[in-house]
């Protein structure tokens, strides 16, 4: 049986400012604002509304929906990444585009969100 290869994690993927990203979904929701460094670690800076949910219940609902899609559709994500989502971390996806790539990429996990300032570091 052939598995759905729409969602793959590829370490060789290069992140760039301006790429479309989203959290809990592979649909484009916003833009990767900048590549920044925090304590010597390369991170993504974006708006909180792009990758996060202000409403905790809505975030948990979206997490559960994502986990169902991952399992039912056979997305090829390493088990360690699925476990991070199950434990409550928010994934960040770079979605596919109609004219080019056909696979969404899991590119980061959200590490810090400030809804008041509408920023997120991933």
PDB file of N, CA and C in Angstrom:
ATOM      1  N   UNK A   1       0.836  -1.182   0.000  1.00  0.00           N
ATOM      2  CA  UNK A   1       0.000   0.000   0.000  1.00  0.00           C
ATOM      3  C   UNK A   1       0.881   1.245   0.000  1.00  0.00           C
ATOM      4  N   UNK A   2       0.604   2.173  -0.880  1.00  0.00           N
ATOM      5  CA  UNK A   2       1.385   3.397  -0.982  1.00  0.00           C
ATOM      6  C   UNK A   2       0.950   4.384   0.111  1.00  0.00           C
ATOM      7  N   UNK A   3       1.907   5.000   0.753  1.00  0.00           N
ATOM      8  CA  UNK A   3       1.580   5.970   1.806  1.00  0.00           C
ATOM      9  C   UNK A   3       1.555   7.376   1.228  1.00  0.00           C
ATOM     10  N   UNK A   4       0.855   8.245   1.917  1.00  0.00           N
ATOM     11  CA  UNK A   4       0.791   9.652   1.534  1.00  0.00           C
ATOM     12  C   UNK A   4       2.140  10.285   1.850  1.00  0.00           C
ATOM     13  N   UNK A   5       2.800  10.836   0.851  1.00  0.00           N
ATOM     14  CA  UNK A   5       4.121  11.436   1.047  1.00  0.00           C
ATOM     15  C   UNK A   5       4.047  12.956   1.038  1.00  0.00           C
ATOM     16  N   UNK A   6       2.883  13.492   1.343  1.00  0.00           N
ATOM     17  CA  UNK A   6       2.703  14.941   1.309  1.00  0.00           C
ATOM     18  C   UNK A   6       3.518  15.646   2.389  1.00  0.00           C
ATOM     19  N   UNK A   7       3.719  15.008   3.515  1.00  0.00           N
ATOM     20  CA  UNK A   7       4.372  15.652   4.650  1.00  0.00           C
ATOM     21  C   UNK A   7       5.640  14.900   5.013  1.00  0.00           C
ATOM     22  N   UNK A   8       6.762  15.485   4.695  1.00  0.00           N
ATOM     23  CA  UNK A   8       8.033  14.856   4.996  1.00  0.00           C
ATOM     24  C   UNK A   8       8.935  15.836   5.732  1.00  0.00           C
ATOM     25  N   UNK A   9       9.741  15.305   6.613  1.00  0.00           N
ATOM     26  CA  UNK A   9      10.734  16.091   7.312  1.00  0.00           C
ATOM     27  C   UNK A   9      12.042  15.886   6.579  1.00  0.00           C
ATOM     28  N   UNK A  10      12.635  16.957   6.098  1.00  0.00           N
ATOM     29  CA  UNK A  10      13.884  16.839   5.363  1.00  0.00           C
ATOM     30  C   UNK A  10      14.914  17.783   5.973  1.00  0.00           C
ATOM     31  N   UNK A  11      15.954  17.220   6.537  1.00  0.00           N
ATOM     32  CA  UNK A  11      16.964  18.024   7.201  1.00  0.00           C
ATOM     33  C   UNK A  11      17.692  18.962   6.247  1.00  0.00           C
ATOM     34  N   UNK A  12      17.793  18.611   4.966  1.00  0.00           N
ATOM     35  CA  UNK A  12      18.542  19.431   4.020  1.00  0.00           C
ATOM     36  C   UNK A  12      17.774  20.658   3.549  1.00  0.00           C
ATOM     37  N   UNK A  13      16.522  20.805   3.949  1.00  0.00           N
ATOM     38  CA  UNK A  13      15.712  21.945   3.545  1.00  0.00           C
ATOM     39  C   UNK A  13      16.289  23.233   4.138  1.00  0.00           C
ATOM     40  N   UNK A  14      16.437  24.279   3.319  1.00  0.00           N
ATOM     41  CA  UNK A  14      17.014  25.543   3.764  1.00  0.00           C
ATOM     42  C   UNK A  14      15.909  26.558   4.054  1.00  0.00           C
ATOM     43  N   UNK A  15      15.879  27.036   5.271  1.00  0.00           N
ATOM     44  CA  UNK A  15      14.912  28.069   5.647  1.00  0.00           C
ATOM     45  C   UNK A  15      15.424  29.433   5.226  1.00  0.00           C
ATOM     46  N   UNK A  16      14.500  30.283   4.777  1.00  0.00           N
ATOM     47  CA  UNK A  16      14.839  31.644   4.376  1.00  0.00           C
ATOM     48  C   UNK A  16      13.737  32.575   4.855  1.00  0.00           C
ATOM     49  N   UNK A  17      14.109  33.795   5.210  1.00  0.00           N
ATOM     50  CA  UNK A  17      13.107  34.795   5.563  1.00  0.00           C
ATOM     51  C   UNK A  17      12.172  34.989   4.375  1.00  0.00           C
ATOM     52  N   UNK A  18      10.899  35.142   4.667  1.00  0.00           N
ATOM     53  CA  UNK A  18       9.910  35.357   3.622  1.00  0.00           C
ATOM     54  C   UNK A  18       9.140  34.115   3.218  1.00  0.00           C
ATOM     55  N   UNK A  19       9.576  32.937   3.670  1.00  0.00           N
ATOM     56  CA  UNK A  19       8.855  31.711   3.341  1.00  0.00           C
ATOM     57  C   UNK A  19       7.512  31.666   4.061  1.00  0.00           C
ATOM     58  N   UNK A  20       6.528  31.037   3.444  1.00  0.00           N
ATOM     59  CA  UNK A  20       5.232  30.822   4.075  1.00  0.00           C
ATOM     60  C   UNK A  20       5.382  29.753   5.151  1.00  0.00           C
ATOM     61  N   UNK A  21       4.739  29.965   6.301  1.00  0.00           N
ATOM     62  CA  UNK A  21       4.760  28.984   7.383  1.00  0.00           C
ATOM     63  C   UNK A  21       3.409  28.977   8.082  1.00  0.00           C
ATOM     64  N   UNK A  22       3.207  27.972   8.904  1.00  0.00           N
ATOM     65  CA  UNK A  22       2.015  27.882   9.736  1.00  0.00           C
ATOM     66  C   UNK A  22       2.264  26.892  10.854  1.00  0.00           C
ATOM     67  N   UNK A  23       1.427  26.929  11.880  1.00  0.00           N
ATOM     68  CA  UNK A  23       1.478  25.963  12.965  1.00  0.00           C
ATOM     69  C   UNK A  23       0.221  25.112  12.924  1.00  0.00           C
ATOM     70  N   UNK A  24       0.328  23.841  13.297  1.00  0.00           N
ATOM     71  CA  UNK A  24      -0.779  22.874  13.333  1.00  0.00           C
ATOM     72  C   UNK A  24      -1.385  22.577  11.975  1.00  0.00           C
ATOM     73  N   UNK A  25      -0.942  23.213  10.918  1.00  0.00           N
ATOM     74  CA  UNK A  25      -1.545  23.029   9.608  1.00  0.00           C
ATOM     75  C   UNK A  25      -0.476  23.183   8.536  1.00  0.00           C
ATOM     76  N   UNK A  26      -0.718  22.555   7.395  1.00  0.00           N
ATOM     77  CA  UNK A  26       0.210  22.724   6.286  1.00  0.00           C
ATOM     78  C   UNK A  26      -0.316  23.741   5.284  1.00  0.00           C
ATOM     79  N   UNK A  27      -1.393  24.420   5.637  1.00  0.00           N
ATOM     80  CA  UNK A  27      -1.897  25.518   4.800  1.00  0.00           C
ATOM     81  C   UNK A  27      -1.117  26.774   5.145  1.00  0.00           C
ATOM     82  N   UNK A  28      -0.828  27.595   4.162  1.00  0.00           N
ATOM     83  CA  UNK A  28      -0.090  28.834   4.403  1.00  0.00           C
ATOM     84  C   UNK A  28      -0.904  29.754   5.310  1.00  0.00           C
ATOM     85  N   UNK A  29      -0.273  30.230   6.386  1.00  0.00           N
ATOM     86  CA  UNK A  29      -0.970  31.104   7.327  1.00  0.00           C
ATOM     87  C   UNK A  29      -0.242  32.433   7.508  1.00  0.00           C
ATOM     88  N   UNK A  30       1.056  32.459   7.228  1.00  0.00           N
ATOM     89  CA  UNK A  30       1.819  33.682   7.405  1.00  0.00           C
ATOM     90  C   UNK A  30       3.238  33.531   6.895  1.00  0.00           C
ATOM     91  N   UNK A  31       4.115  34.418   7.374  1.00  0.00           N
ATOM     92  CA  UNK A  31       5.467  34.503   6.835  1.00  0.00           C
ATOM     93  C   UNK A  31       6.529  34.325   7.901  1.00  0.00           C
ATOM     94  N   UNK A  32       7.575  33.593   7.544  1.00  0.00           N
ATOM     95  CA  UNK A  32       8.758  33.518   8.374  1.00  0.00           C
ATOM     96  C   UNK A  32       9.418  34.889   8.284  1.00  0.00           C
ATOM     97  N   UNK A  33       9.472  35.609   9.396  1.00  0.00           N
ATOM     98  CA  UNK A  33       9.964  36.983   9.374  1.00  0.00           C
ATOM     99  C   UNK A  33      11.465  37.104   9.263  1.00  0.00           C
ATOM    100  N   UNK A  34      12.191  36.310  10.067  1.00  0.00           N
ATOM    101  CA  UNK A  34      13.646  36.422  10.076  1.00  0.00           C
ATOM    102  C   UNK A  34      14.258  35.183  10.704  1.00  0.00           C
ATOM    103  N   UNK A  35      15.499  34.945  10.357  1.00  0.00           N
ATOM    104  CA  UNK A  35      16.307  33.927  11.033  1.00  0.00           C
ATOM    105  C   UNK A  35      17.091  34.690  12.097  1.00  0.00           C
ATOM    106  N   UNK A  36      16.943  34.287  13.349  1.00  0.00           N
ATOM    107  CA  UNK A  36      17.603  34.969  14.458  1.00  0.00           C
ATOM    108  C   UNK A  36      18.379  33.941  15.277  1.00  0.00           C
ATOM    109  N   UNK A  37      19.198  34.430  16.197  1.00  0.00           N
ATOM    110  CA  UNK A  37      19.938  33.544  17.087  1.00  0.00           C
ATOM    111  C   UNK A  37      19.579  33.870  18.523  1.00  0.00           C
ATOM    112  N   UNK A  38      19.320  32.826  19.294  1.00  0.00           N
ATOM    113  CA  UNK A  38      19.039  32.975  20.721  1.00  0.00           C
ATOM    114  C   UNK A  38      19.956  32.008  21.452  1.00  0.00           C
ATOM    115  N   UNK A  39      20.798  32.538  22.301  1.00  0.00           N
ATOM    116  CA  UNK A  39      21.773  31.721  23.031  1.00  0.00           C
ATOM    117  C   UNK A  39      22.598  30.846  22.092  1.00  0.00           C
ATOM    118  N   UNK A  40      22.945  31.390  20.929  1.00  0.00           N
ATOM    119  CA  UNK A  40      23.778  30.686  19.964  1.00  0.00           C
ATOM    120  C   UNK A  40      23.045  29.682  19.085  1.00  0.00           C
ATOM    121  N   UNK A  41      21.725  29.546  19.264  1.00  0.00           N
ATOM    122  CA  UNK A  41      20.938  28.599  18.475  1.00  0.00           C
ATOM    123  C   UNK A  41      20.151  29.338  17.406  1.00  0.00           C
ATOM    124  N   UNK A  42      20.199  28.829  16.179  1.00  0.00           N
ATOM    125  CA  UNK A  42      19.449  29.442  15.086  1.00  0.00           C
ATOM    126  C   UNK A  42      17.960  29.203  15.306  1.00  0.00           C
ATOM    127  N   UNK A  43      17.167  30.276  15.195  1.00  0.00           N
ATOM    128  CA  UNK A  43      15.728  30.216  15.445  1.00  0.00           C
ATOM    129  C   UNK A  43      14.989  30.965  14.338  1.00  0.00           C
ATOM    130  N   UNK A  44      13.667  30.783  14.317  1.00  0.00           N
ATOM    131  CA  UNK A  44      12.778  31.505  13.415  1.00  0.00           C
ATOM    132  C   UNK A  44      12.038  32.556  14.227  1.00  0.00           C
ATOM    133  N   UNK A  45      11.919  33.762  13.678  1.00  0.00           N
ATOM    134  CA  UNK A  45      11.107  34.809  14.280  1.00  0.00           C
ATOM    135  C   UNK A  45       9.916  35.055  13.365  1.00  0.00           C
ATOM    136  N   UNK A  46       8.722  35.029  13.923  1.00  0.00           N
ATOM    137  CA  UNK A  46       7.503  35.269  13.158  1.00  0.00           C
ATOM    138  C   UNK A  46       6.455  35.879  14.078  1.00  0.00           C
ATOM    139  N   UNK A  47       5.258  36.075  13.561  1.00  0.00           N
ATOM    140  CA  UNK A  47       4.160  36.564  14.379  1.00  0.00           C
ATOM    141  C   UNK A  47       3.515  35.402  15.129  1.00  0.00           C
ATOM    142  N   UNK A  48       3.074  35.664  16.361  1.00  0.00           N
ATOM    143  CA  UNK A  48       2.436  34.627  17.172  1.00  0.00           C
ATOM    144  C   UNK A  48       1.171  34.098  16.510  1.00  0.00           C
ATOM    145  N   UNK A  49       0.407  34.969  15.860  1.00  0.00           N
ATOM    146  CA  UNK A  49      -0.845  34.507  15.240  1.00  0.00           C
ATOM    147  C   UNK A  49      -0.602  33.568  14.059  1.00  0.00           C
ATOM    148  N   UNK A  50       0.608  33.533  13.537  1.00  0.00           N
ATOM    149  CA  UNK A  50       0.935  32.647  12.419  1.00  0.00           C
ATOM    150  C   UNK A  50       1.103  31.206  12.902  1.00  0.00           C
ATOM    151  N   UNK A  51       1.727  31.020  14.051  1.00  0.00           N
ATOM    152  CA  UNK A  51       2.044  29.675  14.516  1.00  0.00           C
ATOM    153  C   UNK A  51       1.322  29.261  15.788  1.00  0.00           C
ATOM    154  N   UNK A  52       0.684  30.202  16.468  1.00  0.00           N
ATOM    155  CA  UNK A  52       0.061  29.884  17.739  1.00  0.00           C
ATOM    156  C   UNK A  52      -1.425  30.158  17.754  1.00  0.00           C
ATOM    157  N   UNK A  53      -2.048  29.702  18.796  1.00  0.00           N
ATOM    158  CA  UNK A  53      -3.458  29.946  19.027  1.00  0.00           C
ATOM    159  C   UNK A  53      -3.586  30.651  20.366  1.00  0.00           C
ATOM    160  N   UNK A  54      -4.293  31.767  20.384  1.00  0.00           N
ATOM    161  CA  UNK A  54      -4.490  32.490  21.636  1.00  0.00           C
ATOM    162  C   UNK A  54      -5.381  31.690  22.578  1.00  0.00           C
ATOM    163  N   UNK A  55      -6.351  30.998  22.043  1.00  0.00           N
ATOM    164  CA  UNK A  55      -7.283  30.201  22.813  1.00  0.00           C
ATOM    165  C   UNK A  55      -6.693  28.809  23.039  1.00  0.00           C
ATOM    166  N   UNK A  56      -6.444  28.457  24.304  1.00  0.00           N
ATOM    167  CA  UNK A  56      -5.822  27.174  24.636  1.00  0.00           C
ATOM    168  C   UNK A  56      -6.669  26.000  24.145  1.00  0.00           C
ATOM    169  N   UNK A  57      -7.977  26.079  24.289  1.00  0.00           N
ATOM    170  CA  UNK A  57      -8.853  24.993  23.830  1.00  0.00           C
ATOM    171  C   UNK A  57      -8.774  24.818  22.315  1.00  0.00           C
ATOM    172  N   UNK A  58      -8.701  25.923  21.585  1.00  0.00           N
ATOM    173  CA  UNK A  58      -8.579  25.855  20.127  1.00  0.00           C
ATOM    174  C   UNK A  58      -7.244  25.234  19.731  1.00  0.00           C
ATOM    175  N   UNK A  59      -6.190  25.581  20.462  1.00  0.00           N
ATOM    176  CA  UNK A  59      -4.870  25.002  20.182  1.00  0.00           C
ATOM    177  C   UNK A  59      -4.895  23.495  20.387  1.00  0.00           C
ATOM    178  N   UNK A  60      -5.499  23.035  21.461  1.00  0.00           N
ATOM    179  CA  UNK A  60      -5.556  21.594  21.733  1.00  0.00           C
ATOM    180  C   UNK A  60      -6.408  20.867  20.698  1.00  0.00           C
ATOM    181  N   UNK A  61      -7.488  21.501  20.275  1.00  0.00           N
ATOM    182  CA  UNK A  61      -8.332  20.918  19.231  1.00  0.00           C
ATOM    183  C   UNK A  61      -7.529  20.761  17.937  1.00  0.00           C
ATOM    184  N   UNK A  62      -6.786  21.798  17.559  1.00  0.00           N
ATOM    185  CA  UNK A  62      -5.975  21.747  16.336  1.00  0.00           C
ATOM    186  C   UNK A  62      -4.848  20.725  16.443  1.00  0.00           C
ATOM    187  N   UNK A  63      -4.277  20.577  17.643  1.00  0.00           N
ATOM    188  CA  UNK A  63      -3.229  19.569  17.858  1.00  0.00           C
ATOM    189  C   UNK A  63      -3.814  18.169  17.641  1.00  0.00           C
ATOM    190  N   UNK A  64      -4.979  17.917  18.212  1.00  0.00           N
ATOM    191  CA  UNK A  64      -5.619  16.610  18.050  1.00  0.00           C
ATOM    192  C   UNK A  64      -5.960  16.331  16.590  1.00  0.00           C
ATOM    193  N   UNK A  65      -6.466  17.335  15.878  1.00  0.00           N
ATOM    194  CA  UNK A  65      -6.778  17.162  14.454  1.00  0.00           C
ATOM    195  C   UNK A  65      -5.520  16.844  13.652  1.00  0.00           C
ATOM    196  N   UNK A  66      -4.425  17.530  13.964  1.00  0.00           N
ATOM    197  CA  UNK A  66      -3.168  17.268  13.267  1.00  0.00           C
ATOM    198  C   UNK A  66      -2.693  15.846  13.530  1.00  0.00           C
ATOM    199  N   UNK A  67      -2.764  15.390  14.782  1.00  0.00           N
ATOM    200  CA  UNK A  67      -2.328  14.035  15.109  1.00  0.00           C
ATOM    201  C   UNK A  67      -3.177  12.983  14.394  1.00  0.00           C
ATOM    202  N   UNK A  68      -4.469  13.235  14.276  1.00  0.00           N
ATOM    203  CA  UNK A  68      -5.345  12.319  13.536  1.00  0.00           C
ATOM    204  C   UNK A  68      -4.925  12.261  12.076  1.00  0.00           C
ATOM    205  N   UNK A  69      -4.673  13.435  11.454  1.00  0.00           N
ATOM    206  CA  UNK A  69      -4.248  13.464  10.051  1.00  0.00           C
ATOM    207  C   UNK A  69      -2.919  12.734   9.857  1.00  0.00           C
ATOM    208  N   UNK A  70      -1.986  12.938  10.769  1.00  0.00           N
ATOM    209  CA  UNK A  70      -0.680  12.283  10.665  1.00  0.00           C
ATOM    210  C   UNK A  70      -0.850  10.765  10.663  1.00  0.00           C
ATOM    211  N   UNK A  71      -1.667  10.260  11.578  1.00  0.00           N
ATOM    212  CA  UNK A  71      -1.834   8.804  11.707  1.00  0.00           C
ATOM    213  C   UNK A  71      -2.695   8.220  10.595  1.00  0.00           C
ATOM    214  N   UNK A  72      -3.805   8.837  10.283  1.00  0.00           N
ATOM    215  CA  UNK A  72      -4.714   8.294   9.273  1.00  0.00           C
ATOM    216  C   UNK A  72      -4.141   8.345   7.863  1.00  0.00           C
ATOM    217  N   UNK A  73      -3.352   9.358   7.574  1.00  0.00           N
ATOM    218  CA  UNK A  73      -2.838   9.527   6.219  1.00  0.00           C
ATOM    219  C   UNK A  73      -1.428   8.978   6.031  1.00  0.00           C
ATOM    220  N   UNK A  74      -0.848   8.458   7.096  1.00  0.00           N
ATOM    221  CA  UNK A  74       0.468   7.838   6.980  1.00  0.00           C
ATOM    222  C   UNK A  74       1.583   8.808   6.643  1.00  0.00           C
ATOM    223  N   UNK A  75       1.526  10.026   7.171  1.00  0.00           N
ATOM    224  CA  UNK A  75       2.579  10.998   6.896  1.00  0.00           C
ATOM    225  C   UNK A  75       3.901  10.452   7.378  1.00  0.00           C
ATOM    226  N   UNK A  76       4.939  10.665   6.629  1.00  0.00           N
ATOM    227  CA  UNK A  76       6.241  10.122   6.950  1.00  0.00           C
ATOM    228  C   UNK A  76       7.043  11.081   7.819  1.00  0.00           C
ATOM    229  N   UNK A  77       6.670  11.136   9.085  1.00  0.00           N
ATOM    230  CA  UNK A  77       7.414  11.931  10.058  1.00  0.00           C
ATOM    231  C   UNK A  77       8.092  10.973  11.026  1.00  0.00           C
ATOM    232  N   UNK A  78       9.332  11.257  11.407  1.00  0.00           N
ATOM    233  CA  UNK A  78       9.987  10.406  12.399  1.00  0.00           C
ATOM    234  C   UNK A  78       9.161  10.365  13.695  1.00  0.00           C
ATOM    235  N   UNK A  79       9.151   9.209  14.324  1.00  0.00           N
ATOM    236  CA  UNK A  79       8.377   9.012  15.551  1.00  0.00           C
ATOM    237  C   UNK A  79       8.733  10.047  16.620  1.00  0.00           C
ATOM    238  N   UNK A  80       9.997  10.432  16.713  1.00  0.00           N
ATOM    239  CA  UNK A  80      10.417  11.417  17.714  1.00  0.00           C
ATOM    240  C   UNK A  80       9.706  12.757  17.509  1.00  0.00           C
ATOM    241  N   UNK A  81       9.443  13.134  16.257  1.00  0.00           N
ATOM    242  CA  UNK A  81       8.747  14.391  15.989  1.00  0.00           C
ATOM    243  C   UNK A  81       7.265  14.274  16.328  1.00  0.00           C
ATOM    244  N   UNK A  82       6.668  13.140  16.036  1.00  0.00           N
ATOM    245  CA  UNK A  82       5.267  12.922  16.396  1.00  0.00           C
ATOM    246  C   UNK A  82       5.112  12.960  17.917  1.00  0.00           C
ATOM    247  N   UNK A  83       6.048  12.368  18.627  1.00  0.00           N
ATOM    248  CA  UNK A  83       6.008  12.385  20.094  1.00  0.00           C
ATOM    249  C   UNK A  83       6.078  13.807  20.640  1.00  0.00           C
ATOM    250  N   UNK A  84       6.863  14.661  20.024  1.00  0.00           N
ATOM    251  CA  UNK A  84       6.949  16.060  20.475  1.00  0.00           C
ATOM    252  C   UNK A  84       5.605  16.758  20.322  1.00  0.00           C
ATOM    253  N   UNK A  85       4.900  16.483  19.227  1.00  0.00           N
ATOM    254  CA  UNK A  85       3.575  17.065  19.013  1.00  0.00           C
ATOM    255  C   UNK A  85       2.606  16.508  20.049  1.00  0.00           C
ATOM    256  N   UNK A  86       2.649  15.200  20.281  1.00  0.00           N
ATOM    257  CA  UNK A  86       1.770  14.567  21.268  1.00  0.00           C
ATOM    258  C   UNK A  86       1.991  15.129  22.671  1.00  0.00           C
ATOM    259  N   UNK A  87       3.237  15.478  22.993  1.00  0.00           N
ATOM    260  CA  UNK A  87       3.564  16.005  24.321  1.00  0.00           C
ATOM    261  C   UNK A  87       3.208  17.477  24.492  1.00  0.00           C
ATOM    262  N   UNK A  88       2.698  18.116  23.423  1.00  0.00           N
ATOM    263  CA  UNK A  88       2.226  19.489  23.565  1.00  0.00           C
ATOM    264  C   UNK A  88       3.012  20.541  22.814  1.00  0.00           C
ATOM    265  N   UNK A  89       4.061  20.161  22.108  1.00  0.00           N
ATOM    266  CA  UNK A  89       4.805  21.157  21.339  1.00  0.00           C
ATOM    267  C   UNK A  89       4.046  21.504  20.058  1.00  0.00           C
ATOM    268  N   UNK A  90       4.202  22.745  19.613  1.00  0.00           N
ATOM    269  CA  UNK A  90       3.531  23.211  18.399  1.00  0.00           C
ATOM    270  C   UNK A  90       4.494  23.139  17.223  1.00  0.00           C
ATOM    271  N   UNK A  91       4.159  22.353  16.196  1.00  0.00           N
ATOM    272  CA  UNK A  91       5.020  22.267  15.020  1.00  0.00           C
ATOM    273  C   UNK A  91       4.841  23.482  14.117  1.00  0.00           C
ATOM    274  N   UNK A  92       5.857  23.741  13.316  1.00  0.00           N
ATOM    275  CA  UNK A  92       5.799  24.811  12.319  1.00  0.00           C
ATOM    276  C   UNK A  92       6.056  24.162  10.963  1.00  0.00           C
ATOM    277  N   UNK A  93       5.123  24.356  10.035  1.00  0.00           N
ATOM    278  CA  UNK A  93       5.222  23.780   8.698  1.00  0.00           C
ATOM    279  C   UNK A  93       5.497  24.851   7.655  1.00  0.00           C
ATOM    280  N   UNK A  94       6.234  24.464   6.626  1.00  0.00           N
ATOM    281  CA  UNK A  94       6.345  25.249   5.395  1.00  0.00           C
ATOM    282  C   UNK A  94       5.485  24.500   4.396  1.00  0.00           C
ATOM    283  N   UNK A  95       4.377  25.101   3.932  1.00  0.00           N
ATOM    284  CA  UNK A  95       3.414  24.376   3.098  1.00  0.00           C
ATOM    285  C   UNK A  95       3.880  24.157   1.663  1.00  0.00           C
ATOM    286  N   UNK A  96       3.233  23.205   0.976  1.00  0.00           N
ATOM    287  CA  UNK A  96       3.534  22.981  -0.440  1.00  0.00           C
ATOM    288  C   UNK A  96       2.905  24.073  -1.293  1.00  0.00           C
ATOM    289  N   UNK A  97       3.377  24.210  -2.506  1.00  0.00           N
ATOM    290  CA  UNK A  97       2.816  25.178  -3.448  1.00  0.00           C
ATOM    291  C   UNK A  97       2.337  24.445  -4.682  1.00  0.00           C
ATOM    292  N   UNK A  98       1.337  24.983  -5.336  1.00  0.00           N
ATOM    293  CA  UNK A  98       0.742  24.329  -6.497  1.00  0.00           C
ATOM    294  C   UNK A  98       1.714  24.184  -7.657  1.00  0.00           C
ATOM    295  N   UNK A  99       2.546  25.174  -7.926  1.00  0.00           N
ATOM    296  CA  UNK A  99       3.409  25.119  -9.094  1.00  0.00           C
ATOM    297  C   UNK A  99       4.777  24.514  -8.859  1.00  0.00           C
ATOM    298  N   UNK A 100       5.148  24.290  -7.615  1.00  0.00           N
ATOM    299  CA  UNK A 100       6.504  23.821  -7.345  1.00  0.00           C
ATOM    300  C   UNK A 100       6.525  22.570  -6.506  1.00  0.00           C
ATOM    301  N   UNK A 101       7.051  22.694  -5.313  1.00  0.00           N
ATOM    302  CA  UNK A 101       7.173  21.522  -4.444  1.00  0.00           C
ATOM    303  C   UNK A 101       5.801  20.970  -4.093  1.00  0.00           C
ATOM    304  N   UNK A 102       5.747  19.690  -3.879  1.00  0.00           N
ATOM    305  CA  UNK A 102       4.472  19.045  -3.579  1.00  0.00           C
ATOM    306  C   UNK A 102       4.441  18.513  -2.153  1.00  0.00           C
ATOM    307  N   UNK A 103       5.477  18.784  -1.369  1.00  0.00           N
ATOM    308  CA  UNK A 103       5.551  18.257  -0.019  1.00  0.00           C
ATOM    309  C   UNK A 103       5.696  19.394   0.992  1.00  0.00           C
ATOM    310  N   UNK A 104       4.873  19.352   2.031  1.00  0.00           N
ATOM    311  CA  UNK A 104       5.044  20.292   3.135  1.00  0.00           C
ATOM    312  C   UNK A 104       6.247  19.835   3.952  1.00  0.00           C
ATOM    313  N   UNK A 105       6.898  20.767   4.609  1.00  0.00           N
ATOM    314  CA  UNK A 105       8.066  20.451   5.428  1.00  0.00           C
ATOM    315  C   UNK A 105       7.798  20.853   6.873  1.00  0.00           C
ATOM    316  N   UNK A 106       8.113  19.977   7.802  1.00  0.00           N
ATOM    317  CA  UNK A 106       8.103  20.328   9.216  1.00  0.00           C
ATOM    318  C   UNK A 106       9.451  20.982   9.473  1.00  0.00           C
ATOM    319  N   UNK A 107       9.450  22.286   9.789  1.00  0.00           N
ATOM    320  CA  UNK A 107      10.710  23.024   9.836  1.00  0.00           C
ATOM    321  C   UNK A 107      11.152  23.437  11.227  1.00  0.00           C
ATOM    322  N   UNK A 108      10.241  23.422  12.206  1.00  0.00           N
ATOM    323  CA  UNK A 108      10.621  23.870  13.544  1.00  0.00           C
ATOM    324  C   UNK A 108       9.515  23.519  14.534  1.00  0.00           C
ATOM    325  N   UNK A 109       9.778  23.814  15.799  1.00  0.00           N
ATOM    326  CA  UNK A 109       8.774  23.755  16.846  1.00  0.00           C
ATOM    327  C   UNK A 109       8.784  25.097  17.560  1.00  0.00           C
ATOM    328  N   UNK A 110       7.611  25.564  17.967  1.00  0.00           N
ATOM    329  CA  UNK A 110       7.493  26.839  18.661  1.00  0.00           C
ATOM    330  C   UNK A 110       8.119  26.706  20.043  1.00  0.00           C
ATOM    331  N   UNK A 111       8.964  27.676  20.412  1.00  0.00           N
ATOM    332  CA  UNK A 111       9.593  27.645  21.729  1.00  0.00           C
ATOM    333  C   UNK A 111       9.153  28.796  22.625  1.00  0.00           C
ATOM    334  N   UNK A 112       8.719  29.894  22.021  1.00  0.00           N
ATOM    335  CA  UNK A 112       8.329  31.070  22.817  1.00  0.00           C
ATOM    336  C   UNK A 112       7.272  31.858  22.048  1.00  0.00           C
ATOM    337  N   UNK A 113       6.177  32.191  22.726  1.00  0.00           N
ATOM    338  CA  UNK A 113       5.106  32.974  22.114  1.00  0.00           C
ATOM    339  C   UNK A 113       4.689  34.083  23.066  1.00  0.00           C
ATOM    340  N   UNK A 114       4.569  35.289  22.542  1.00  0.00           N
ATOM    341  CA  UNK A 114       4.029  36.404  23.299  1.00  0.00           C
ATOM    342  C   UNK A 114       2.898  37.005  22.481  1.00  0.00           C
ATOM    343  N   UNK A 115       1.667  36.686  22.875  1.00  0.00           N
ATOM    344  CA  UNK A 115       0.512  37.157  22.120  1.00  0.00           C
ATOM    345  C   UNK A 115       0.368  38.683  22.214  1.00  0.00           C
ATOM    346  N   UNK A 116       0.733  39.267  23.345  1.00  0.00           N
ATOM    347  CA  UNK A 116       0.612  40.728  23.504  1.00  0.00           C
ATOM    348  C   UNK A 116       1.456  41.485  22.496  1.00  0.00           C
ATOM    349  N   UNK A 117       2.629  40.940  22.206  1.00  0.00           N
ATOM    350  CA  UNK A 117       3.534  41.566  21.234  1.00  0.00           C
ATOM    351  C   UNK A 117       3.412  40.911  19.864  1.00  0.00           C
ATOM    352  N   UNK A 118       2.606  39.846  19.779  1.00  0.00           N
ATOM    353  CA  UNK A 118       2.390  39.079  18.553  1.00  0.00           C
ATOM    354  C   UNK A 118       3.702  38.594  17.932  1.00  0.00           C
ATOM    355  N   UNK A 119       4.555  38.014  18.771  1.00  0.00           N
ATOM    356  CA  UNK A 119       5.787  37.437  18.237  1.00  0.00           C
ATOM    357  C   UNK A 119       5.926  35.986  18.704  1.00  0.00           C
ATOM    358  N   UNK A 120       6.621  35.220  17.892  1.00  0.00           N
ATOM    359  CA  UNK A 120       6.923  33.832  18.251  1.00  0.00           C
ATOM    360  C   UNK A 120       8.340  33.523  17.797  1.00  0.00           C
ATOM    361  N   UNK A 121       9.014  32.738  18.616  1.00  0.00           N
ATOM    362  CA  UNK A 121      10.353  32.240  18.284  1.00  0.00           C
ATOM    363  C   UNK A 121      10.233  30.729  18.212  1.00  0.00           C
ATOM    364  N   UNK A 122      10.773  30.165  17.139  1.00  0.00           N
ATOM    365  CA  UNK A 122      10.617  28.726  16.905  1.00  0.00           C
ATOM    366  C   UNK A 122      11.987  28.098  16.646  1.00  0.00           C
TER     367      UNK A 122
END
